[in-house]
Amino acid sequence: RYVEGGFGNDKYDDEGVPVKDIHIIENGILKEI
């Protein structure tokens, strides 16, 4: 996800897709990749 001061922060990726925050593990469950 976006993090204040994060080195990987960006608004769009290199295909023009908006960067979305995702939970890879959410409350112990493997959710998103």
All heavy atoms as atom14 arrays in JSON, in Angstrom:
{
  "sequence": "RYVEGGFGNDKYDDEGVPVKDIHIIENGILKEI",
  "atom14_mask": [
    [1, 1, 1, 1, 1, 1, 1, 1, 1, 1, 1, 0, 0, 0],
    [1, 1, 1, 1, 1, 1, 1, 1, 1, 1, 1, 1, 0, 0],
    [1, 1, 1, 1, 1, 1, 1, 0, 0, 0, 0, 0, 0, 0],
    [1, 1, 1, 1, 1, 1, 1, 1, 1, 0, 0, 0, 0, 0],
    [1, 1, 1, 1, 0, 0, 0, 0, 0, 0, 0, 0, 0, 0],
    [1, 1, 1, 1, 0, 0, 0, 0, 0, 0, 0, 0, 0, 0],
    [1, 1, 1, 1, 1, 1, 1, 1, 1, 1, 1, 0, 0, 0],
    [1, 1, 1, 1, 0, 0, 0, 0, 0, 0, 0, 0, 0, 0],
    [1, 1, 1, 1, 1, 1, 1, 1, 0, 0, 0, 0, 0, 0],
    [1, 1, 1, 1, 1, 1, 1, 1, 0, 0, 0, 0, 0, 0],
    [1, 1, 1, 1, 1, 1, 1, 1, 1, 0, 0, 0, 0, 0],
    [1, 1, 1, 1, 1, 1, 1, 1, 1, 1, 1, 1, 0, 0],
    [1, 1, 1, 1, 1, 1, 1, 1, 0, 0, 0, 0, 0, 0],
    [1, 1, 1, 1, 1, 1, 1, 1, 0, 0, 0, 0, 0, 0],
    [1, 1, 1, 1, 1, 1, 1, 1, 1, 0, 0, 0, 0, 0],
    [1, 1, 1, 1, 0, 0, 0, 0, 0, 0, 0, 0, 0, 0],
    [1, 1, 1, 1, 1, 1, 1, 0, 0, 0, 0, 0, 0, 0],
    [1, 1, 1, 1, 1, 1, 1, 0, 0, 0, 0, 0, 0, 0],
    [1, 1, 1, 1, 1, 1, 1, 0, 0, 0, 0, 0, 0, 0],
    [1, 1, 1, 1, 1, 1, 1, 1, 1, 0, 0, 0, 0, 0],
    [1, 1, 1, 1, 1, 1, 1, 1, 0, 0, 0, 0, 0, 0],
    [1, 1, 1, 1, 1, 1, 1, 1, 0, 0, 0, 0, 0, 0],
    [1, 1, 1, 1, 1, 1, 1, 1, 1, 1, 0, 0, 0, 0],
    [1, 1, 1, 1, 1, 1, 1, 1, 0, 0, 0, 0, 0, 0],
    [1, 1, 1, 1, 1, 1, 1, 1, 0, 0, 0, 0, 0, 0],
    [1, 1, 1, 1, 1, 1, 1, 1, 1, 0, 0, 0, 0, 0],
    [1, 1, 1, 1, 1, 1, 1, 1, 0, 0, 0, 0, 0, 0],
    [1, 1, 1, 1, 0, 0, 0, 0, 0, 0, 0, 0, 0, 0],
    [1, 1, 1, 1, 1, 1, 1, 1, 0, 0, 0, 0, 0, 0],
    [1, 1, 1, 1, 1, 1, 1, 1, 0, 0, 0, 0, 0, 0],
    [1, 1, 1, 1, 1, 1, 1, 1, 1, 0, 0, 0, 0, 0],
    [1, 1, 1, 1, 1, 1, 1, 1, 1, 0, 0, 0, 0, 0],
    [1, 1, 1, 1, 1, 1, 1, 1, 0, 0, 0, 0, 0, 0]
  ],
  "atom14_positions": [
    [[0.81, -1.21, 0.0], [0.0, 0.0, 0.0], [0.85, 1.27, 0.0], [2.07, 1.22, 0.15], [-0.91, 0.0, 1.24], [-0.15, 0.03, 2.58], [-1.13, 0.26, 3.72], [-0.57, 0.16, 5.05], [0.02, 1.16, 5.71], [0.15, 2.35, 5.13], [0.49, 0.99, 6.93], [0.0, 0.0, 0.0], [0.0, 0.0, 0.0], [0.0, 0.0, 0.0]],
    [[0.14, 2.38, -0.15], [0.78, 3.68, 0.01], [1.22, 3.83, 1.46], [0.49, 3.5, 2.38], [-0.21, 4.81, -0.34], [0.33, 6.18, 0.02], [1.16, 6.87, -0.86], [0.04, 6.75, 1.25], [1.68, 8.11, -0.52], [0.56, 7.99, 1.61], [1.37, 8.66, 0.72], [1.9, 9.88, 1.06], [0.0, 0.0, 0.0], [0.0, 0.0, 0.0]],
    [[2.45, 4.3, 1.66], [2.98, 4.55, 3.01], [3.61, 5.93, 3.01], [4.33, 6.28, 2.07], [4.05, 3.5, 3.39], [4.61, 3.79, 4.78], [3.5, 2.09, 3.33], [0.0, 0.0, 0.0], [0.0, 0.0, 0.0], [0.0, 0.0, 0.0], [0.0, 0.0, 0.0], [0.0, 0.0, 0.0], [0.0, 0.0, 0.0], [0.0, 0.0, 0.0]],
    [[3.34, 6.71, 4.03], [3.99, 8.01, 4.17], [5.5, 7.81, 4.15], [6.06, 7.07, 4.94], [3.57, 8.65, 5.5], [4.12, 10.04, 5.74], [3.49, 11.11, 4.87], [2.28, 11.0, 4.56], [4.21, 12.05, 4.51], [0.0, 0.0, 0.0], [0.0, 0.0, 0.0], [0.0, 0.0, 0.0], [0.0, 0.0, 0.0], [0.0, 0.0, 0.0]],
    [[6.18, 8.47, 3.19], [7.63, 8.32, 3.06], [8.06, 7.06, 2.33], [9.25, 6.76, 2.26], [0.0, 0.0, 0.0], [0.0, 0.0, 0.0], [0.0, 0.0, 0.0], [0.0, 0.0, 0.0], [0.0, 0.0, 0.0], [0.0, 0.0, 0.0], [0.0, 0.0, 0.0], [0.0, 0.0, 0.0], [0.0, 0.0, 0.0], [0.0, 0.0, 0.0]],
    [[7.11, 6.31, 1.78], [7.44, 5.06, 1.08], [8.2, 5.29, -0.21], [7.91, 6.2, -0.97], [0.0, 0.0, 0.0], [0.0, 0.0, 0.0], [0.0, 0.0, 0.0], [0.0, 0.0, 0.0], [0.0, 0.0, 0.0], [0.0, 0.0, 0.0], [0.0, 0.0, 0.0], [0.0, 0.0, 0.0], [0.0, 0.0, 0.0], [0.0, 0.0, 0.0]],
    [[9.19, 4.44, -0.46], [10.04, 4.56, -1.65], [9.33, 4.02, -2.89], [9.76, 4.28, -4.01], [11.35, 3.81, -1.41], [12.53, 4.35, -2.16], [12.63, 5.68, -2.52], [13.59, 3.51, -2.5], [13.74, 6.18, -3.2], [14.7, 3.99, -3.18], [14.78, 5.33, -3.52], [0.0, 0.0, 0.0], [0.0, 0.0, 0.0], [0.0, 0.0, 0.0]],
    [[8.25, 3.26, -2.68], [7.52, 2.69, -3.82], [6.24, 3.44, -4.16], [5.45, 2.98, -4.98], [0.0, 0.0, 0.0], [0.0, 0.0, 0.0], [0.0, 0.0, 0.0], [0.0, 0.0, 0.0], [0.0, 0.0, 0.0], [0.0, 0.0, 0.0], [0.0, 0.0, 0.0], [0.0, 0.0, 0.0], [0.0, 0.0, 0.0], [0.0, 0.0, 0.0]],
    [[6.03, 4.6, -3.54], [4.78, 5.35, -3.76], [4.66, 5.84, -5.21], [5.63, 6.31, -5.8], [4.73, 6.58, -2.84], [4.5, 6.21, -1.38], [4.1, 5.09, -1.08], [4.74, 7.15, -0.49], [0.0, 0.0, 0.0], [0.0, 0.0, 0.0], [0.0, 0.0, 0.0], [0.0, 0.0, 0.0], [0.0, 0.0, 0.0], [0.0, 0.0, 0.0]],
    [[3.46, 5.75, -5.75], [3.16, 6.29, -7.08], [1.64, 6.33, -7.24], [0.92, 5.61, -6.55], [3.78, 5.44, -8.18], [4.25, 6.27, -9.37], [3.72, 7.4, -9.55], [5.12, 5.81, -10.13], [0.0, 0.0, 0.0], [0.0, 0.0, 0.0], [0.0, 0.0, 0.0], [0.0, 0.0, 0.0], [0.0, 0.0, 0.0], [0.0, 0.0, 0.0]],
    [[1.17, 7.16, -8.16], [-0.27, 7.26, -8.39], [-0.73, 6.25, -9.45], [-1.83, 5.69, -9.36], [-0.64, 8.68, -8.83], [-2.13, 8.94, -8.87], [-2.45, 10.4, -9.19], [-3.96, 10.63, -9.26], [-4.29, 12.01, -9.65], [0.0, 0.0, 0.0], [0.0, 0.0, 0.0], [0.0, 0.0, 0.0], [0.0, 0.0, 0.0], [0.0, 0.0, 0.0]],
    [[0.12, 6.04, -10.47], [-0.18, 5.09, -11.54], [1.03, 4.18, -11.74], [2.15, 4.57, -11.46], [-0.47, 5.81, -12.87], [-1.6, 6.79, -12.81], [-1.36, 8.16, -12.65], [-2.93, 6.37, -12.89], [-2.39, 9.08, -12.59], [-3.98, 7.28, -12.83], [-3.71, 8.63, -12.69], [-4.74, 9.53, -12.61], [0.0, 0.0, 0.0], [0.0, 0.0, 0.0]],
    [[0.77, 2.98, -12.27], [1.9, 2.13, -12.62], [2.33, 2.41, -14.06], [1.82, 3.34, -14.71], [1.58, 0.65, -12.37], [0.62, 0.03, -13.39], [0.17, 0.75, -14.32], [0.32, -1.18, -13.27], [0.0, 0.0, 0.0], [0.0, 0.0, 0.0], [0.0, 0.0, 0.0], [0.0, 0.0, 0.0], [0.0, 0.0, 0.0], [0.0, 0.0, 0.0]],
    [[3.26, 1.63, -14.58], [3.82, 1.91, -15.91], [2.93, 1.39, -17.04], [3.32, 1.44, -18.21], [5.23, 1.34, -16.01], [6.23, 2.19, -15.22], [6.02, 3.41, -15.13], [7.21, 1.64, -14.69], [0.0, 0.0, 0.0], [0.0, 0.0, 0.0], [0.0, 0.0, 0.0], [0.0, 0.0, 0.0], [0.0, 0.0, 0.0], [0.0, 0.0, 0.0]],
    [[1.73, 0.9, -16.72], [0.72, 0.6, -17.73], [-0.45, 1.58, -17.64], [-1.45, 1.42, -18.33], [0.19, -0.83, -17.55], [1.22, -1.9, -17.83], [0.69, -3.32, -17.68], [-0.19, -3.57, -16.83], [1.16, -4.2, -18.42], [0.0, 0.0, 0.0], [0.0, 0.0, 0.0], [0.0, 0.0, 0.0], [0.0, 0.0, 0.0], [0.0, 0.0, 0.0]],
    [[-0.32, 2.58, -16.75], [-1.38, 3.59, -16.6], [-2.52, 3.14, -15.71], [-3.59, 3.75, -15.69], [0.0, 0.0, 0.0], [0.0, 0.0, 0.0], [0.0, 0.0, 0.0], [0.0, 0.0, 0.0], [0.0, 0.0, 0.0], [0.0, 0.0, 0.0], [0.0, 0.0, 0.0], [0.0, 0.0, 0.0], [0.0, 0.0, 0.0], [0.0, 0.0, 0.0]],
    [[-2.3, 2.07, -14.92], [-3.33, 1.58, -14.0], [-3.17, 2.31, -12.67], [-2.06, 2.38, -12.13], [-3.18, 0.05, -13.78], [-4.21, -0.45, -12.76], [-3.33, -0.69, -15.1], [0.0, 0.0, 0.0], [0.0, 0.0, 0.0], [0.0, 0.0, 0.0], [0.0, 0.0, 0.0], [0.0, 0.0, 0.0], [0.0, 0.0, 0.0], [0.0, 0.0, 0.0]],
    [[-4.26, 2.85, -12.1], [-4.16, 3.48, -10.78], [-3.63, 2.49, -9.74], [-4.08, 1.33, -9.7], [-5.6, 3.9, -10.46], [-6.27, 4.01, -11.79], [-5.63, 2.96, -12.66], [0.0, 0.0, 0.0], [0.0, 0.0, 0.0], [0.0, 0.0, 0.0], [0.0, 0.0, 0.0], [0.0, 0.0, 0.0], [0.0, 0.0, 0.0], [0.0, 0.0, 0.0]],
    [[-2.69, 2.91, -8.92], [-2.11, 2.05, -7.88], [-3.13, 1.88, -6.76], [-3.61, 2.86, -6.2], [-0.79, 2.65, -7.34], [-0.26, 1.81, -6.18], [0.24, 2.73, -8.45], [0.0, 0.0, 0.0], [0.0, 0.0, 0.0], [0.0, 0.0, 0.0], [0.0, 0.0, 0.0], [0.0, 0.0, 0.0], [0.0, 0.0, 0.0], [0.0, 0.0, 0.0]],
    [[-3.45, 0.63, -6.46], [-4.44, 0.34, -5.41], [-3.77, -0.3, -4.2], [-2.84, -1.1, -4.35], [-5.51, -0.62, -5.95], [-6.4, 0.0, -7.02], [-7.37, -1.01, -7.57], [-8.18, -0.4, -8.73], [-8.93, -1.41, -9.47], [0.0, 0.0, 0.0], [0.0, 0.0, 0.0], [0.0, 0.0, 0.0], [0.0, 0.0, 0.0], [0.0, 0.0, 0.0]],
    [[-4.25, 0.05, -3.02], [-3.82, -0.62, -1.79], [-4.47, -2.0, -1.75], [-5.67, -2.13, -2.02], [-4.26, 0.16, -0.55], [-3.55, 1.49, -0.41], [-2.57, 1.72, -1.14], [-3.96, 2.3, 0.44], [0.0, 0.0, 0.0], [0.0, 0.0, 0.0], [0.0, 0.0, 0.0], [0.0, 0.0, 0.0], [0.0, 0.0, 0.0], [0.0, 0.0, 0.0]],
    [[-3.68, -3.02, -1.42], [-4.25, -4.36, -1.29], [-3.8, -5.0, 0.03], [-2.75, -4.67, 0.55], [-3.89, -5.29, -2.48], [-2.37, -5.53, -2.56], [-4.42, -4.74, -3.79], [-1.98, -6.63, -3.54], [0.0, 0.0, 0.0], [0.0, 0.0, 0.0], [0.0, 0.0, 0.0], [0.0, 0.0, 0.0], [0.0, 0.0, 0.0], [0.0, 0.0, 0.0]],
    [[-4.62, -5.93, 0.53], [-4.24, -6.74, 1.69], [-3.85, -8.12, 1.17], [-4.71, -8.87, 0.71], [-5.39, -6.88, 2.69], [-5.72, -5.61, 3.4], [-4.76, -4.8, 3.95], [-6.92, -5.02, 3.68], [-5.33, -3.76, 4.52], [-6.64, -3.86, 4.37], [0.0, 0.0, 0.0], [0.0, 0.0, 0.0], [0.0, 0.0, 0.0], [0.0, 0.0, 0.0]],
    [[-2.56, -8.43, 1.2], [-2.11, -9.76, 0.79], [-2.63, -10.78, 1.82], [-3.22, -11.79, 1.47], [-0.57, -9.81, 0.68], [-0.11, -8.86, -0.45], [-0.09, -11.23, 0.4], [1.38, -8.63, -0.51], [0.0, 0.0, 0.0], [0.0, 0.0, 0.0], [0.0, 0.0, 0.0], [0.0, 0.0, 0.0], [0.0, 0.0, 0.0], [0.0, 0.0, 0.0]],
    [[-2.41, -10.47, 3.09], [-2.98, -11.27, 4.18], [-3.9, -10.34, 4.97], [-3.49, -9.25, 5.36], [-1.89, -11.83, 5.12], [-0.91, -12.71, 4.34], [-2.52, -12.61, 6.27], [0.36, -13.07, 5.12], [0.0, 0.0, 0.0], [0.0, 0.0, 0.0], [0.0, 0.0, 0.0], [0.0, 0.0, 0.0], [0.0, 0.0, 0.0], [0.0, 0.0, 0.0]],
    [[-5.15, -10.74, 5.14], [-6.1, -9.93, 5.9], [-6.67, -10.76, 7.04], [-7.32, -11.79, 6.8], [-7.23, -9.41, 5.01], [-8.15, -8.44, 5.72], [-9.18, -7.82, 4.79], [-9.47, -8.41, 3.73], [-9.69, -6.75, 5.13], [0.0, 0.0, 0.0], [0.0, 0.0, 0.0], [0.0, 0.0, 0.0], [0.0, 0.0, 0.0], [0.0, 0.0, 0.0]],
    [[-6.43, -10.31, 8.28], [-6.89, -11.05, 9.46], [-6.51, -12.53, 9.37], [-7.32, -13.42, 9.67], [-8.39, -10.89, 9.65], [-8.79, -9.43, 9.82], [-8.01, -8.65, 10.36], [-9.97, -9.07, 9.37], [0.0, 0.0, 0.0], [0.0, 0.0, 0.0], [0.0, 0.0, 0.0], [0.0, 0.0, 0.0], [0.0, 0.0, 0.0], [0.0, 0.0, 0.0]],
    [[-5.26, -12.78, 8.91], [-4.74, -14.14, 8.84], [-5.07, -14.91, 7.58], [-4.54, -16.0, 7.35], [0.0, 0.0, 0.0], [0.0, 0.0, 0.0], [0.0, 0.0, 0.0], [0.0, 0.0, 0.0], [0.0, 0.0, 0.0], [0.0, 0.0, 0.0], [0.0, 0.0, 0.0], [0.0, 0.0, 0.0], [0.0, 0.0, 0.0], [0.0, 0.0, 0.0]],
    [[-5.95, -14.36, 6.73], [-6.37, -15.08, 5.51], [-5.63, -14.52, 4.3], [-5.54, -13.29, 4.12], [-7.9, -14.95, 5.31], [-8.63, -15.69, 6.43], [-8.33, -15.51, 3.95], [-10.11, -15.41, 6.51], [0.0, 0.0, 0.0], [0.0, 0.0, 0.0], [0.0, 0.0, 0.0], [0.0, 0.0, 0.0], [0.0, 0.0, 0.0], [0.0, 0.0, 0.0]],
    [[-5.08, -15.41, 3.46], [-4.41, -14.99, 2.22], [-5.48, -14.5, 1.26], [-6.31, -15.28, 0.79], [-3.63, -16.16, 1.62], [-2.82, -15.83, 0.36], [-1.76, -14.77, 0.62], [-2.17, -17.09, -0.21], [0.0, 0.0, 0.0], [0.0, 0.0, 0.0], [0.0, 0.0, 0.0], [0.0, 0.0, 0.0], [0.0, 0.0, 0.0], [0.0, 0.0, 0.0]],
    [[-5.46, -13.18, 0.97], [-6.58, -12.57, 0.26], [-6.25, -12.15, -1.17], [-6.92, -12.53, -2.12], [-7.05, -11.32, 1.03], [-8.1, -11.61, 2.11], [-9.47, -11.83, 1.48], [-10.54, -12.14, 2.49], [-10.98, -10.98, 3.24], [0.0, 0.0, 0.0], [0.0, 0.0, 0.0], [0.0, 0.0, 0.0], [0.0, 0.0, 0.0], [0.0, 0.0, 0.0]],
    [[-5.24, -11.26, -1.35], [-5.02, -10.63, -2.65], [-3.56, -10.77, -3.08], [-2.67, -10.86, -2.25], [-5.36, -9.14, -2.58], [-6.82, -8.85, -2.24], [-7.08, -7.35, -2.11], [-6.86, -6.81, -1.01], [-7.49, -6.74, -3.1], [0.0, 0.0, 0.0], [0.0, 0.0, 0.0], [0.0, 0.0, 0.0], [0.0, 0.0, 0.0], [0.0, 0.0, 0.0]],
    [[-3.36, -10.75, -4.39], [-2.0, -10.76, -4.93], [-1.84, -9.6, -5.92], [-2.8, -8.91, -6.25], [-1.64, -12.11, -5.58], [-2.56, -12.42, -6.76], [-1.69, -13.24, -4.55], [-2.15, -13.66, -7.55], [0.0, 0.0, 0.0], [0.0, 0.0, 0.0], [0.0, 0.0, 0.0], [0.0, 0.0, 0.0], [0.0, 0.0, 0.0], [0.0, 0.0, 0.0]]
  ]
}
